Amino acid sequence: CVASGISFSIRTMGWYRQAPGKQRELVV
């Protein structure tokens, strides 16, 4: 994932996942 427009180096970043009909979940 390439991010832009944010102060990337100081931000905690995460991967989320979402199944159809379900809420997006932060997994890591």
mmCIF file of all heavy atoms, coordinates in Angstrom:
data_MODEL
# 
_entry.id   MODEL 
# 
loop_
_atom_site.group_PDB 
_atom_site.id 
_atom_site.type_symbol 
_atom_site.label_atom_id 
_atom_site.label_alt_id 
_atom_site.label_comp_id 
_atom_site.label_asym_id 
_atom_site.label_entity_id 
_atom_site.label_seq_id 
_atom_site.pdbx_PDB_ins_code 
_atom_site.Cartn_x 
_atom_site.Cartn_y 
_atom_site.Cartn_z 
_atom_site.occupancy 
_atom_site.B_iso_or_equiv 
_atom_site.pdbx_formal_charge 
_atom_site.auth_seq_id 
_atom_site.auth_comp_id 
_atom_site.auth_asym_id 
_atom_site.auth_atom_id 
_atom_site.pdbx_PDB_model_num 
ATOM 1   N N   . CYS A 1 1  ? 0.856   -1.192  0.000  1.00 0.00 ? 1  CYS A N   1 
ATOM 2   C CA  . CYS A 1 1  ? 0.000   0.000   0.000  1.00 0.00 ? 1  CYS A CA  1 
ATOM 3   C C   . CYS A 1 1  ? 0.885   1.233   0.000  1.00 0.00 ? 1  CYS A C   1 
ATOM 4   O O   . CYS A 1 1  ? 1.745   1.377   0.873  1.00 0.00 ? 1  CYS A O   1 
ATOM 5   C CB  . CYS A 1 1  ? -0.907  0.006   1.220  1.00 0.00 ? 1  CYS A CB  1 
ATOM 6   S SG  . CYS A 1 1  ? -1.812  1.552   1.452  1.00 0.00 ? 1  CYS A SG  1 
ATOM 7   N N   . VAL A 1 2  ? 0.653   2.088   -0.966 1.00 0.00 ? 2  VAL A N   1 
ATOM 8   C CA  . VAL A 1 2  ? 1.370   3.362   -1.034 1.00 0.00 ? 2  VAL A CA  1 
ATOM 9   C C   . VAL A 1 2  ? 0.412   4.460   -0.588 1.00 0.00 ? 2  VAL A C   1 
ATOM 10  O O   . VAL A 1 2  ? -0.695  4.587   -1.127 1.00 0.00 ? 2  VAL A O   1 
ATOM 11  C CB  . VAL A 1 2  ? 1.877   3.642   -2.451 1.00 0.00 ? 2  VAL A CB  1 
ATOM 12  C CG1 . VAL A 1 2  ? 2.594   4.986   -2.490 1.00 0.00 ? 2  VAL A CG1 1 
ATOM 13  C CG2 . VAL A 1 2  ? 2.796   2.535   -2.924 1.00 0.00 ? 2  VAL A CG2 1 
ATOM 14  N N   . ALA A 1 3  ? 0.844   5.227   0.384  1.00 0.00 ? 3  ALA A N   1 
ATOM 15  C CA  . ALA A 1 3  ? 0.024   6.305   0.924  1.00 0.00 ? 3  ALA A CA  1 
ATOM 16  C C   . ALA A 1 3  ? 0.585   7.651   0.471  1.00 0.00 ? 3  ALA A C   1 
ATOM 17  O O   . ALA A 1 3  ? 1.796   7.811   0.296  1.00 0.00 ? 3  ALA A O   1 
ATOM 18  C CB  . ALA A 1 3  ? 0.002   6.251   2.442  1.00 0.00 ? 3  ALA A CB  1 
ATOM 19  N N   . SER A 1 4  ? -0.294  8.602   0.282  1.00 0.00 ? 4  SER A N   1 
ATOM 20  C CA  . SER A 1 4  ? 0.127   9.962   -0.044 1.00 0.00 ? 4  SER A CA  1 
ATOM 21  C C   . SER A 1 4  ? -0.816  10.943  0.632  1.00 0.00 ? 4  SER A C   1 
ATOM 22  O O   . SER A 1 4  ? -1.948  10.605  0.989  1.00 0.00 ? 4  SER A O   1 
ATOM 23  C CB  . SER A 1 4  ? 0.145   10.180  -1.560 1.00 0.00 ? 4  SER A CB  1 
ATOM 24  O OG  . SER A 1 4  ? -1.119  9.915   -2.124 1.00 0.00 ? 4  SER A OG  1 
ATOM 25  N N   . GLY A 1 5  ? -0.317  12.154  0.834  1.00 0.00 ? 5  GLY A N   1 
ATOM 26  C CA  . GLY A 1 5  ? -1.144  13.192  1.449  1.00 0.00 ? 5  GLY A CA  1 
ATOM 27  C C   . GLY A 1 5  ? -1.215  13.137  2.958  1.00 0.00 ? 5  GLY A C   1 
ATOM 28  O O   . GLY A 1 5  ? -2.006  13.863  3.564  1.00 0.00 ? 5  GLY A O   1 
ATOM 29  N N   . ILE A 1 6  ? -0.423  12.264  3.571  1.00 0.00 ? 6  ILE A N   1 
ATOM 30  C CA  . ILE A 1 6  ? -0.383  12.182  5.028  1.00 0.00 ? 6  ILE A CA  1 
ATOM 31  C C   . ILE A 1 6  ? 1.073   12.212  5.479  1.00 0.00 ? 6  ILE A C   1 
ATOM 32  O O   . ILE A 1 6  ? 1.974   11.951  4.682  1.00 0.00 ? 6  ILE A O   1 
ATOM 33  C CB  . ILE A 1 6  ? -1.054  10.902  5.571  1.00 0.00 ? 6  ILE A CB  1 
ATOM 34  C CG1 . ILE A 1 6  ? -0.323  9.638   5.094  1.00 0.00 ? 6  ILE A CG1 1 
ATOM 35  C CG2 . ILE A 1 6  ? -2.520  10.851  5.169  1.00 0.00 ? 6  ILE A CG2 1 
ATOM 36  C CD1 . ILE A 1 6  ? -0.797  8.362   5.764  1.00 0.00 ? 6  ILE A CD1 1 
ATOM 37  N N   . SER A 1 7  ? 1.287   12.522  6.733  1.00 0.00 ? 7  SER A N   1 
ATOM 38  C CA  . SER A 1 7  ? 2.641   12.477  7.306  1.00 0.00 ? 7  SER A CA  1 
ATOM 39  C C   . SER A 1 7  ? 2.949   11.032  7.657  1.00 0.00 ? 7  SER A C   1 
ATOM 40  O O   . SER A 1 7  ? 2.909   10.622  8.818  1.00 0.00 ? 7  SER A O   1 
ATOM 41  C CB  . SER A 1 7  ? 2.708   13.368  8.539  1.00 0.00 ? 7  SER A CB  1 
ATOM 42  O OG  . SER A 1 7  ? 2.393   14.710  8.206  1.00 0.00 ? 7  SER A OG  1 
ATOM 43  N N   . PHE A 1 8  ? 3.255   10.257  6.637  1.00 0.00 ? 8  PHE A N   1 
ATOM 44  C CA  . PHE A 1 8  ? 3.316   8.793   6.762  1.00 0.00 ? 8  PHE A CA  1 
ATOM 45  C C   . PHE A 1 8  ? 4.264   8.350   7.868  1.00 0.00 ? 8  PHE A C   1 
ATOM 46  O O   . PHE A 1 8  ? 3.924   7.481   8.669  1.00 0.00 ? 8  PHE A O   1 
ATOM 47  C CB  . PHE A 1 8  ? 3.753   8.200   5.422  1.00 0.00 ? 8  PHE A CB  1 
ATOM 48  C CG  . PHE A 1 8  ? 3.818   6.707   5.407  1.00 0.00 ? 8  PHE A CG  1 
ATOM 49  C CD1 . PHE A 1 8  ? 2.690   5.954   5.121  1.00 0.00 ? 8  PHE A CD1 1 
ATOM 50  C CD2 . PHE A 1 8  ? 5.023   6.049   5.670  1.00 0.00 ? 8  PHE A CD2 1 
ATOM 51  C CE1 . PHE A 1 8  ? 2.745   4.568   5.104  1.00 0.00 ? 8  PHE A CE1 1 
ATOM 52  C CE2 . PHE A 1 8  ? 5.084   4.662   5.655  1.00 0.00 ? 8  PHE A CE2 1 
ATOM 53  C CZ  . PHE A 1 8  ? 3.944   3.927   5.366  1.00 0.00 ? 8  PHE A CZ  1 
ATOM 54  N N   . SER A 1 9  ? 5.434   8.926   7.940  1.00 0.00 ? 9  SER A N   1 
ATOM 55  C CA  . SER A 1 9  ? 6.470   8.395   8.829  1.00 0.00 ? 9  SER A CA  1 
ATOM 56  C C   . SER A 1 9  ? 6.103   8.481   10.301 1.00 0.00 ? 9  SER A C   1 
ATOM 57  O O   . SER A 1 9  ? 6.639   7.731   11.116 1.00 0.00 ? 9  SER A O   1 
ATOM 58  C CB  . SER A 1 9  ? 7.799   9.094   8.572  1.00 0.00 ? 9  SER A CB  1 
ATOM 59  O OG  . SER A 1 9  ? 7.694   10.469  8.895  1.00 0.00 ? 9  SER A OG  1 
ATOM 60  N N   . ILE A 1 10 ? 5.189   9.368   10.659 1.00 0.00 ? 10 ILE A N   1 
ATOM 61  C CA  . ILE A 1 10 ? 4.840   9.512   12.068 1.00 0.00 ? 10 ILE A CA  1 
ATOM 62  C C   . ILE A 1 10 ? 3.498   8.870   12.409 1.00 0.00 ? 10 ILE A C   1 
ATOM 63  O O   . ILE A 1 10 ? 3.091   8.882   13.564 1.00 0.00 ? 10 ILE A O   1 
ATOM 64  C CB  . ILE A 1 10 ? 4.804   11.001  12.491 1.00 0.00 ? 10 ILE A CB  1 
ATOM 65  C CG1 . ILE A 1 10 ? 3.682   11.748  11.758 1.00 0.00 ? 10 ILE A CG1 1 
ATOM 66  C CG2 . ILE A 1 10 ? 6.152   11.653  12.253 1.00 0.00 ? 10 ILE A CG2 1 
ATOM 67  C CD1 . ILE A 1 10 ? 3.466   13.162  12.273 1.00 0.00 ? 10 ILE A CD1 1 
ATOM 68  N N   . ARG A 1 11 ? 2.846   8.286   11.418 1.00 0.00 ? 11 ARG A N   1 
ATOM 69  C CA  . ARG A 1 11 ? 1.525   7.724   11.637 1.00 0.00 ? 11 ARG A CA  1 
ATOM 70  C C   . ARG A 1 11 ? 1.586   6.222   11.889 1.00 0.00 ? 11 ARG A C   1 
ATOM 71  O O   . ARG A 1 11 ? 2.381   5.498   11.275 1.00 0.00 ? 11 ARG A O   1 
ATOM 72  C CB  . ARG A 1 11 ? 0.619   7.986   10.429 1.00 0.00 ? 11 ARG A CB  1 
ATOM 73  C CG  . ARG A 1 11 ? 0.453   9.445   10.075 1.00 0.00 ? 11 ARG A CG  1 
ATOM 74  C CD  . ARG A 1 11 ? -0.174  10.249  11.190 1.00 0.00 ? 11 ARG A CD  1 
ATOM 75  N NE  . ARG A 1 11 ? -1.536  9.898   11.453 1.00 0.00 ? 11 ARG A NE  1 
ATOM 76  C CZ  . ARG A 1 11 ? -2.596  10.428  10.842 1.00 0.00 ? 11 ARG A CZ  1 
ATOM 77  N NH1 . ARG A 1 11 ? -2.435  11.332  9.906  1.00 0.00 ? 11 ARG A NH1 1 
ATOM 78  N NH2 . ARG A 1 11 ? -3.810  10.059  11.174 1.00 0.00 ? 11 ARG A NH2 1 
ATOM 79  N N   . THR A 1 12 ? 0.742   5.754   12.801 1.00 0.00 ? 12 THR A N   1 
ATOM 80  C CA  . THR A 1 12 ? 0.537   4.316   12.944 1.00 0.00 ? 12 THR A CA  1 
ATOM 81  C C   . THR A 1 12 ? -0.345  3.870   11.779 1.00 0.00 ? 12 THR A C   1 
ATOM 82  O O   . THR A 1 12 ? -1.432  4.417   11.573 1.00 0.00 ? 12 THR A O   1 
ATOM 83  C CB  . THR A 1 12 ? -0.140  3.978   14.276 1.00 0.00 ? 12 THR A CB  1 
ATOM 84  O OG1 . THR A 1 12 ? 0.738   4.338   15.347 1.00 0.00 ? 12 THR A OG1 1 
ATOM 85  C CG2 . THR A 1 12 ? -0.451  2.490   14.367 1.00 0.00 ? 12 THR A CG2 1 
ATOM 86  N N   . MET A 1 13 ? 0.131   2.908   11.035 1.00 0.00 ? 13 MET A N   1 
ATOM 87  C CA  . MET A 1 13 ? -0.585  2.433   9.849  1.00 0.00 ? 13 MET A CA  1 
ATOM 88  C C   . MET A 1 13 ? -1.185  1.060   10.109 1.00 0.00 ? 13 MET A C   1 
ATOM 89  O O   . MET A 1 13 ? -0.675  0.282   10.913 1.00 0.00 ? 13 MET A O   1 
ATOM 90  C CB  . MET A 1 13 ? 0.358   2.359   8.652  1.00 0.00 ? 13 MET A CB  1 
ATOM 91  C CG  . MET A 1 13 ? 0.921   3.707   8.236  1.00 0.00 ? 13 MET A CG  1 
ATOM 92  S SD  . MET A 1 13 ? -0.346  4.885   7.742  1.00 0.00 ? 13 MET A SD  1 
ATOM 93  C CE  . MET A 1 13 ? -1.065  4.054   6.311  1.00 0.00 ? 13 MET A CE  1 
ATOM 94  N N   . GLY A 1 14 ? -2.245  0.768   9.390  1.00 0.00 ? 14 GLY A N   1 
ATOM 95  C CA  . GLY A 1 14 ? -2.902  -0.512  9.595  1.00 0.00 ? 14 GLY A CA  1 
ATOM 96  C C   . GLY A 1 14 ? -3.432  -1.116  8.315  1.00 0.00 ? 14 GLY A C   1 
ATOM 97  O O   . GLY A 1 14 ? -3.633  -0.427  7.318  1.00 0.00 ? 14 GLY A O   1 
ATOM 98  N N   . TRP A 1 15 ? -3.604  -2.420  8.364  1.00 0.00 ? 15 TRP A N   1 
ATOM 99  C CA  . TRP A 1 15 ? -4.311  -3.153  7.314  1.00 0.00 ? 15 TRP A CA  1 
ATOM 100 C C   . TRP A 1 15 ? -5.665  -3.573  7.874  1.00 0.00 ? 15 TRP A C   1 
ATOM 101 O O   . TRP A 1 15 ? -5.745  -4.100  8.995  1.00 0.00 ? 15 TRP A O   1 
ATOM 102 C CB  . TRP A 1 15 ? -3.529  -4.378  6.860  1.00 0.00 ? 15 TRP A CB  1 
ATOM 103 C CG  . TRP A 1 15 ? -2.415  -4.062  5.921  1.00 0.00 ? 15 TRP A CG  1 
ATOM 104 C CD1 . TRP A 1 15 ? -1.103  -3.902  6.224  1.00 0.00 ? 15 TRP A CD1 1 
ATOM 105 C CD2 . TRP A 1 15 ? -2.528  -3.869  4.505  1.00 0.00 ? 15 TRP A CD2 1 
ATOM 106 N NE1 . TRP A 1 15 ? -0.386  -3.611  5.087  1.00 0.00 ? 15 TRP A NE1 1 
ATOM 107 C CE2 . TRP A 1 15 ? -1.234  -3.593  4.016  1.00 0.00 ? 15 TRP A CE2 1 
ATOM 108 C CE3 . TRP A 1 15 ? -3.586  -3.924  3.593  1.00 0.00 ? 15 TRP A CE3 1 
ATOM 109 C CZ2 . TRP A 1 15 ? -0.977  -3.359  2.667  1.00 0.00 ? 15 TRP A CZ2 1 
ATOM 110 C CZ3 . TRP A 1 15 ? -3.331  -3.693  2.250  1.00 0.00 ? 15 TRP A CZ3 1 
ATOM 111 C CH2 . TRP A 1 15 ? -2.037  -3.409  1.795  1.00 0.00 ? 15 TRP A CH2 1 
ATOM 112 N N   . TYR A 1 16 ? -6.679  -3.337  7.075  1.00 0.00 ? 16 TYR A N   1 
ATOM 113 C CA  . TYR A 1 16 ? -8.043  -3.679  7.425  1.00 0.00 ? 16 TYR A CA  1 
ATOM 114 C C   . TYR A 1 16 ? -8.549  -4.705  6.416  1.00 0.00 ? 16 TYR A C   1 
ATOM 115 O O   . TYR A 1 16 ? -8.040  -4.801  5.297  1.00 0.00 ? 16 TYR A O   1 
ATOM 116 C CB  . TYR A 1 16 ? -8.943  -2.454  7.330  1.00 0.00 ? 16 TYR A CB  1 
ATOM 117 C CG  . TYR A 1 16 ? -8.596  -1.304  8.232  1.00 0.00 ? 16 TYR A CG  1 
ATOM 118 C CD1 . TYR A 1 16 ? -7.492  -0.487  7.985  1.00 0.00 ? 16 TYR A CD1 1 
ATOM 119 C CD2 . TYR A 1 16 ? -9.402  -1.000  9.328  1.00 0.00 ? 16 TYR A CD2 1 
ATOM 120 C CE1 . TYR A 1 16 ? -7.186  0.582   8.804  1.00 0.00 ? 16 TYR A CE1 1 
ATOM 121 C CE2 . TYR A 1 16 ? -9.114  0.081   10.154 1.00 0.00 ? 16 TYR A CE2 1 
ATOM 122 C CZ  . TYR A 1 16 ? -8.017  0.862   9.882  1.00 0.00 ? 16 TYR A CZ  1 
ATOM 123 O OH  . TYR A 1 16 ? -7.739  1.936   10.697 1.00 0.00 ? 16 TYR A OH  1 
ATOM 124 N N   . ARG A 1 17 ? -9.602  -5.411  6.798  1.00 0.00 ? 17 ARG A N   1 
ATOM 125 C CA  . ARG A 1 17 ? -10.248 -6.270  5.825  1.00 0.00 ? 17 ARG A CA  1 
ATOM 126 C C   . ARG A 1 17 ? -11.752 -6.204  6.026  1.00 0.00 ? 17 ARG A C   1 
ATOM 127 O O   . ARG A 1 17 ? -12.238 -5.906  7.123  1.00 0.00 ? 17 ARG A O   1 
ATOM 128 C CB  . ARG A 1 17 ? -9.752  -7.717  5.912  1.00 0.00 ? 17 ARG A CB  1 
ATOM 129 C CG  . ARG A 1 17 ? -10.034 -8.460  7.206  1.00 0.00 ? 17 ARG A CG  1 
ATOM 130 C CD  . ARG A 1 17 ? -9.352  -9.817  7.142  1.00 0.00 ? 17 ARG A CD  1 
ATOM 131 N NE  . ARG A 1 17 ? -9.597  -10.618 8.340  1.00 0.00 ? 17 ARG A NE  1 
ATOM 132 C CZ  . ARG A 1 17 ? -9.003  -11.774 8.585  1.00 0.00 ? 17 ARG A CZ  1 
ATOM 133 N NH1 . ARG A 1 17 ? -8.109  -12.258 7.731  1.00 0.00 ? 17 ARG A NH1 1 
ATOM 134 N NH2 . ARG A 1 17 ? -9.291  -12.451 9.681  1.00 0.00 ? 17 ARG A NH2 1 
ATOM 135 N N   . GLN A 1 18 ? -12.455 -6.471  4.933  1.00 0.00 ? 18 GLN A N   1 
ATOM 136 C CA  . GLN A 1 18 ? -13.904 -6.370  4.951  1.00 0.00 ? 18 GLN A CA  1 
ATOM 137 C C   . GLN A 1 18 ? -14.512 -7.414  4.032  1.00 0.00 ? 18 GLN A C   1 
ATOM 138 O O   . GLN A 1 18 ? -14.146 -7.513  2.855  1.00 0.00 ? 18 GLN A O   1 
ATOM 139 C CB  . GLN A 1 18 ? -14.352 -4.978  4.515  1.00 0.00 ? 18 GLN A CB  1 
ATOM 140 C CG  . GLN A 1 18 ? -15.842 -4.729  4.630  1.00 0.00 ? 18 GLN A CG  1 
ATOM 141 C CD  . GLN A 1 18 ? -16.194 -3.282  4.337  1.00 0.00 ? 18 GLN A CD  1 
ATOM 142 O OE1 . GLN A 1 18 ? -15.491 -2.582  3.612  1.00 0.00 ? 18 GLN A OE1 1 
ATOM 143 N NE2 . GLN A 1 18 ? -17.287 -2.814  4.921  1.00 0.00 ? 18 GLN A NE2 1 
ATOM 144 N N   . ALA A 1 19 ? -15.432 -8.178  4.579  1.00 0.00 ? 19 ALA A N   1 
ATOM 145 C CA  . ALA A 1 19 ? -16.196 -9.137  3.792  1.00 0.00 ? 19 ALA A CA  1 
ATOM 146 C C   . ALA A 1 19 ? -17.525 -8.494  3.413  1.00 0.00 ? 19 ALA A C   1 
ATOM 147 O O   . ALA A 1 19 ? -17.988 -7.573  4.096  1.00 0.00 ? 19 ALA A O   1 
ATOM 148 C CB  . ALA A 1 19 ? -16.421 -10.403 4.602  1.00 0.00 ? 19 ALA A CB  1 
ATOM 149 N N   . PRO A 1 20 ? -18.142 -8.955  2.343  1.00 0.00 ? 20 PRO A N   1 
ATOM 150 C CA  . PRO A 1 20 ? -19.436 -8.384  1.932  1.00 0.00 ? 20 PRO A CA  1 
ATOM 151 C C   . PRO A 1 20 ? -20.454 -8.416  3.061  1.00 0.00 ? 20 PRO A C   1 
ATOM 152 O O   . PRO A 1 20 ? -20.635 -9.439  3.726  1.00 0.00 ? 20 PRO A O   1 
ATOM 153 C CB  . PRO A 1 20 ? -19.861 -9.295  0.773  1.00 0.00 ? 20 PRO A CB  1 
ATOM 154 C CG  . PRO A 1 20 ? -18.598 -9.820  0.229  1.00 0.00 ? 20 PRO A CG  1 
ATOM 155 C CD  . PRO A 1 20 ? -17.678 -9.981  1.415  1.00 0.00 ? 20 PRO A CD  1 
ATOM 156 N N   . GLY A 1 21 ? -21.083 -7.277  3.323  1.00 0.00 ? 21 GLY A N   1 
ATOM 157 C CA  . GLY A 1 21 ? -22.113 -7.209  4.345  1.00 0.00 ? 21 GLY A CA  1 
ATOM 158 C C   . GLY A 1 21 ? -21.598 -7.110  5.768  1.00 0.00 ? 21 GLY A C   1 
ATOM 159 O O   . GLY A 1 21 ? -22.394 -7.100  6.721  1.00 0.00 ? 21 GLY A O   1 
ATOM 160 N N   . LYS A 1 22 ? -20.274 -7.039  5.907  1.00 0.00 ? 22 LYS A N   1 
ATOM 161 C CA  . LYS A 1 22 ? -19.701 -6.969  7.253  1.00 0.00 ? 22 LYS A CA  1 
ATOM 162 C C   . LYS A 1 22 ? -18.938 -5.661  7.427  1.00 0.00 ? 22 LYS A C   1 
ATOM 163 O O   . LYS A 1 22 ? -18.576 -4.999  6.461  1.00 0.00 ? 22 LYS A O   1 
ATOM 164 C CB  . LYS A 1 22 ? -18.776 -8.157  7.504  1.00 0.00 ? 22 LYS A CB  1 
ATOM 165 C CG  . LYS A 1 22 ? -19.499 -9.488  7.573  1.00 0.00 ? 22 LYS A CG  1 
ATOM 166 C CD  . LYS A 1 22 ? -18.561 -10.585 8.056  1.00 0.00 ? 22 LYS A CD  1 
ATOM 167 C CE  . LYS A 1 22 ? -19.296 -11.900 8.222  1.00 0.00 ? 22 LYS A CE  1 
ATOM 168 N NZ  . LYS A 1 22 ? -18.400 -12.985 8.719  1.00 0.00 ? 22 LYS A NZ  1 
ATOM 169 N N   . GLN A 1 23 ? -18.670 -5.330  8.681  1.00 0.00 ? 23 GLN A N   1 
ATOM 170 C CA  . GLN A 1 23 ? -17.910 -4.116  8.965  1.00 0.00 ? 23 GLN A CA  1 
ATOM 171 C C   . GLN A 1 23 ? -16.437 -4.323  8.668  1.00 0.00 ? 23 GLN A C   1 
ATOM 172 O O   . GLN A 1 23 ? -15.900 -5.440  8.772  1.00 0.00 ? 23 GLN A O   1 
ATOM 173 C CB  . GLN A 1 23 ? -18.071 -3.740  10.436 1.00 0.00 ? 23 GLN A CB  1 
ATOM 174 C CG  . GLN A 1 23 ? -19.313 -2.911  10.730 1.00 0.00 ? 23 GLN A CG  1 
ATOM 175 C CD  . GLN A 1 23 ? -19.187 -2.140  12.034 1.00 0.00 ? 23 GLN A CD  1 
ATOM 176 O OE1 . GLN A 1 23 ? -18.629 -2.648  12.989 1.00 0.00 ? 23 GLN A OE1 1 
ATOM 177 N NE2 . GLN A 1 23 ? -19.719 -0.940  12.068 1.00 0.00 ? 23 GLN A NE2 1 
ATOM 178 N N   . ARG A 1 24 ? -15.786 -3.239  8.300  1.00 0.00 ? 24 ARG A N   1 
ATOM 179 C CA  . ARG A 1 24 ? -14.353 -3.270  8.084  1.00 0.00 ? 24 ARG A CA  1 
ATOM 180 C C   . ARG A 1 24 ? -13.652 -3.492  9.428  1.00 0.00 ? 24 ARG A C   1 
ATOM 181 O O   . ARG A 1 24 ? -14.007 -2.888  10.440 1.00 0.00 ? 24 ARG A O   1 
ATOM 182 C CB  . ARG A 1 24 ? -13.911 -1.957  7.451  1.00 0.00 ? 24 ARG A CB  1 
ATOM 183 C CG  . ARG A 1 24 ? -12.557 -1.963  6.835  1.00 0.00 ? 24 ARG A CG  1 
ATOM 184 C CD  . ARG A 1 24 ? -12.359 -0.697  6.021  1.00 0.00 ? 24 ARG A CD  1 
ATOM 185 N NE  . ARG A 1 24 ? -13.195 -0.695  4.827  1.00 0.00 ? 24 ARG A NE  1 
ATOM 186 C CZ  . ARG A 1 24 ? -13.553 0.408   4.170  1.00 0.00 ? 24 ARG A CZ  1 
ATOM 187 N NH1 . ARG A 1 24 ? -13.180 1.599   4.612  1.00 0.00 ? 24 ARG A NH1 1 
ATOM 188 N NH2 . ARG A 1 24 ? -14.297 0.329   3.090  1.00 0.00 ? 24 ARG A NH2 1 
ATOM 189 N N   . GLU A 1 25 ? -12.643 -4.367  9.417  1.00 0.00 ? 25 GLU A N   1 
ATOM 190 C CA  . GLU A 1 25 ? -11.966 -4.770  10.651 1.00 0.00 ? 25 GLU A CA  1 
ATOM 191 C C   . GLU A 1 25 ? -10.476 -4.441  10.551 1.00 0.00 ? 25 GLU A C   1 
ATOM 192 O O   . GLU A 1 25 ? -9.829  -4.805  9.560  1.00 0.00 ? 25 GLU A O   1 
ATOM 193 C CB  . GLU A 1 25 ? -12.152 -6.272  10.850 1.00 0.00 ? 25 GLU A CB  1 
ATOM 194 C CG  . GLU A 1 25 ? -11.339 -6.880  11.968 1.00 0.00 ? 25 GLU A CG  1 
ATOM 195 C CD  . GLU A 1 25 ? -11.298 -8.404  11.923 1.00 0.00 ? 25 GLU A CD  1 
ATOM 196 O OE1 . GLU A 1 25 ? -11.457 -8.980  10.824 1.00 0.00 ? 25 GLU A OE1 1 
ATOM 197 O OE2 . GLU A 1 25 ? -11.094 -9.019  12.976 1.00 0.00 ? 25 GLU A OE2 1 
ATOM 198 N N   . LEU A 1 26 ? -9.933  -3.820  11.563 1.00 0.00 ? 26 LEU A N   1 
ATOM 199 C CA  . LEU A 1 26 ? -8.486  -3.599  11.630 1.00 0.00 ? 26 LEU A CA  1 
ATOM 200 C C   . LEU A 1 26 ? -7.841  -4.893  12.101 1.00 0.00 ? 26 LEU A C   1 
ATOM 201 O O   . LEU A 1 26 ? -8.142  -5.370  13.191 1.00 0.00 ? 26 LEU A O   1 
ATOM 202 C CB  . LEU A 1 26 ? -8.153  -2.464  12.598 1.00 0.00 ? 26 LEU A CB  1 
ATOM 203 C CG  . LEU A 1 26 ? -6.679  -2.181  12.847 1.00 0.00 ? 26 LEU A CG  1 
ATOM 204 C CD1 . LEU A 1 26 ? -5.986  -1.707  11.575 1.00 0.00 ? 26 LEU A CD1 1 
ATOM 205 C CD2 . LEU A 1 26 ? -6.513  -1.146  13.957 1.00 0.00 ? 26 LEU A CD2 1 
ATOM 206 N N   . VAL A 1 27 ? -6.975  -5.469  11.295 1.00 0.00 ? 27 VAL A N   1 
ATOM 207 C CA  . VAL A 1 27 ? -6.385  -6.759  11.660 1.00 0.00 ? 27 VAL A CA  1 
ATOM 208 C C   . VAL A 1 27 ? -4.939  -6.642  12.120 1.00 0.00 ? 27 VAL A C   1 
ATOM 209 O O   . VAL A 1 27 ? -4.463  -7.516  12.855 1.00 0.00 ? 27 VAL A O   1 
ATOM 210 C CB  . VAL A 1 27 ? -6.465  -7.773  10.505 1.00 0.00 ? 27 VAL A CB  1 
ATOM 211 C CG1 . VAL A 1 27 ? -7.913  -8.129  10.209 1.00 0.00 ? 27 VAL A CG1 1 
ATOM 212 C CG2 . VAL A 1 27 ? -5.788  -7.253  9.257  1.00 0.00 ? 27 VAL A CG2 1 
ATOM 213 N N   . VAL A 1 28 ? -4.260  -5.609  11.698 1.00 0.00 ? 28 VAL A N   1 
ATOM 214 C CA  . VAL A 1 28 ? -2.860  -5.486  12.069 1.00 0.00 ? 28 VAL A CA  1 
ATOM 215 C C   . VAL A 1 28 ? -2.433  -4.017  11.949 1.00 0.00 ? 28 VAL A C   1 
ATOM 216 O O   . VAL A 1 28 ? -2.958  -3.298  11.088 1.00 0.00 ? 28 VAL A O   1 
ATOM 217 C CB  . VAL A 1 28 ? -1.978  -6.387  11.183 1.00 0.00 ? 28 VAL A CB  1 
ATOM 218 C CG1 . VAL A 1 28 ? -2.152  -6.042  9.719  1.00 0.00 ? 28 VAL A CG1 1 
ATOM 219 C CG2 . VAL A 1 28 ? -0.531  -6.332  11.569 1.00 0.00 ? 28 VAL A CG2 1 
# 
